[in-house]
């Protein structure tokens, strides 16, 4: 069961977070893209506790969002490199 939730950070920025309830033990915050923030939460954890968790991670979240929204942001995918004959690793 997915639920879209909006939360205001201390800097006034409002972010949309998709809350996914699962049979897990811990809260897990993932940032897939600037507009795709997800948190996996145990079934029994109330929404105010999830909000508190997100706010406790807002420094990390703001840094990660700023990295993703930089004009010269590099996609950090590690693609296999092509090796020519005779080259060494």
Protein backbone atom coordinates (compact mmCIF):
# COMPACT_ATOMS: atom_id res chain seq x y z
CA UNK A 1 0.00 0.00 0.00
CA UNK A 2 1.63 3.21 -1.24
CA UNK A 3 0.72 6.61 0.12
CA UNK A 4 1.92 10.00 -1.15
CA UNK A 5 2.77 12.32 1.73
CA UNK A 6 4.01 15.94 1.72
CA UNK A 7 6.33 17.30 4.38
CA UNK A 8 7.85 20.75 4.91
CA UNK A 9 11.57 20.89 5.69
CA UNK A 10 13.15 23.52 7.96
CA UNK A 11 14.24 25.58 4.93
CA UNK A 12 10.59 25.86 3.82
CA UNK A 13 10.93 23.38 0.96
CA UNK A 14 7.97 21.03 0.61
CA UNK A 15 8.84 17.54 -0.59
CA UNK A 16 6.60 14.71 -1.69
CA UNK A 17 7.46 11.34 -0.19
CA UNK A 18 5.94 8.03 -1.22
CA UNK A 19 5.39 5.90 1.88
CA UNK A 20 5.42 2.16 1.27
CA UNK A 21 4.24 0.01 4.17
CA UNK A 22 5.98 -3.36 4.39
CA UNK A 23 6.63 -6.20 6.77
CA UNK A 24 10.06 -4.86 7.73
CA UNK A 25 11.67 -3.71 10.99
CA UNK A 26 13.33 -0.40 10.09
CA UNK A 27 12.51 2.81 8.28
CA UNK A 28 14.38 3.05 4.97
CA UNK A 29 14.70 6.35 3.08
CA UNK A 30 15.61 6.22 -0.62
CA UNK A 31 16.16 9.01 -3.10
CA UNK A 32 15.76 7.79 -6.67
CA UNK A 33 15.34 11.20 -8.34
CA UNK A 34 14.48 14.73 -7.19
CA UNK A 35 10.81 13.92 -7.67
CA UNK A 36 10.99 10.30 -6.50
CA UNK A 37 11.63 10.07 -2.75
CA UNK A 38 10.47 6.86 -1.10
CA UNK A 39 10.36 5.64 2.45
CA UNK A 40 9.70 2.03 3.38
CA UNK A 41 8.08 1.75 6.78
CA UNK A 42 6.95 -1.09 9.02
CA UNK A 43 3.20 -1.65 9.10
CA UNK A 44 2.87 -0.59 12.75
CA UNK A 45 4.82 2.72 12.63
CA UNK A 46 2.51 5.77 12.88
CA UNK A 47 2.74 8.66 10.42
CA UNK A 48 4.04 11.22 13.00
CA UNK A 49 7.01 8.91 13.70
CA UNK A 50 7.72 8.68 9.95
CA UNK A 51 7.62 12.50 9.74
CA UNK A 52 10.08 12.75 12.64
CA UNK A 53 12.40 10.29 10.90
CA UNK A 54 12.31 12.26 7.63
CA UNK A 55 13.02 15.52 9.46
CA UNK A 56 15.95 13.90 11.26
CA UNK A 57 17.43 13.06 7.84
CA UNK A 58 16.77 16.42 6.21
CA UNK A 59 20.42 17.56 6.12
CA UNK A 60 21.34 14.41 4.17
CA UNK A 61 18.21 14.76 2.04
CA UNK A 62 18.94 18.39 1.12
CA UNK A 63 22.55 17.55 0.18
CA UNK A 64 21.42 14.60 -1.93
CA UNK A 65 18.70 16.67 -3.63
CA UNK A 66 21.17 19.47 -4.41
CA UNK A 67 23.56 16.96 -5.98
CA UNK A 68 20.78 15.58 -8.18
CA UNK A 69 19.54 18.99 -9.28
CA UNK A 70 22.94 20.52 -10.13
CA UNK A 71 23.16 21.66 -13.75
CA UNK A 72 26.36 19.66 -14.26
CA UNK A 73 25.24 16.61 -12.27
CA UNK A 74 26.92 13.45 -13.45
CA UNK A 75 25.00 10.22 -13.50
CA UNK A 76 27.10 7.95 -11.29
CA UNK A 77 26.35 4.74 -13.11
CA UNK A 78 29.31 2.46 -13.42
CA UNK A 79 29.21 1.09 -16.92
CA UNK A 80 31.61 -1.56 -18.13
CA UNK A 81 34.55 -0.04 -19.96
CA UNK A 82 35.66 -1.37 -23.28
CA UNK A 83 39.22 -2.75 -23.22
CA UNK A 84 41.26 -2.78 -26.41
CA UNK A 85 43.77 -5.49 -27.17
CA UNK A 86 46.96 -4.99 -25.21
CA UNK A 87 45.48 -2.64 -22.57
CA UNK A 88 45.82 -3.42 -18.91
CA UNK A 89 43.46 -2.70 -16.06
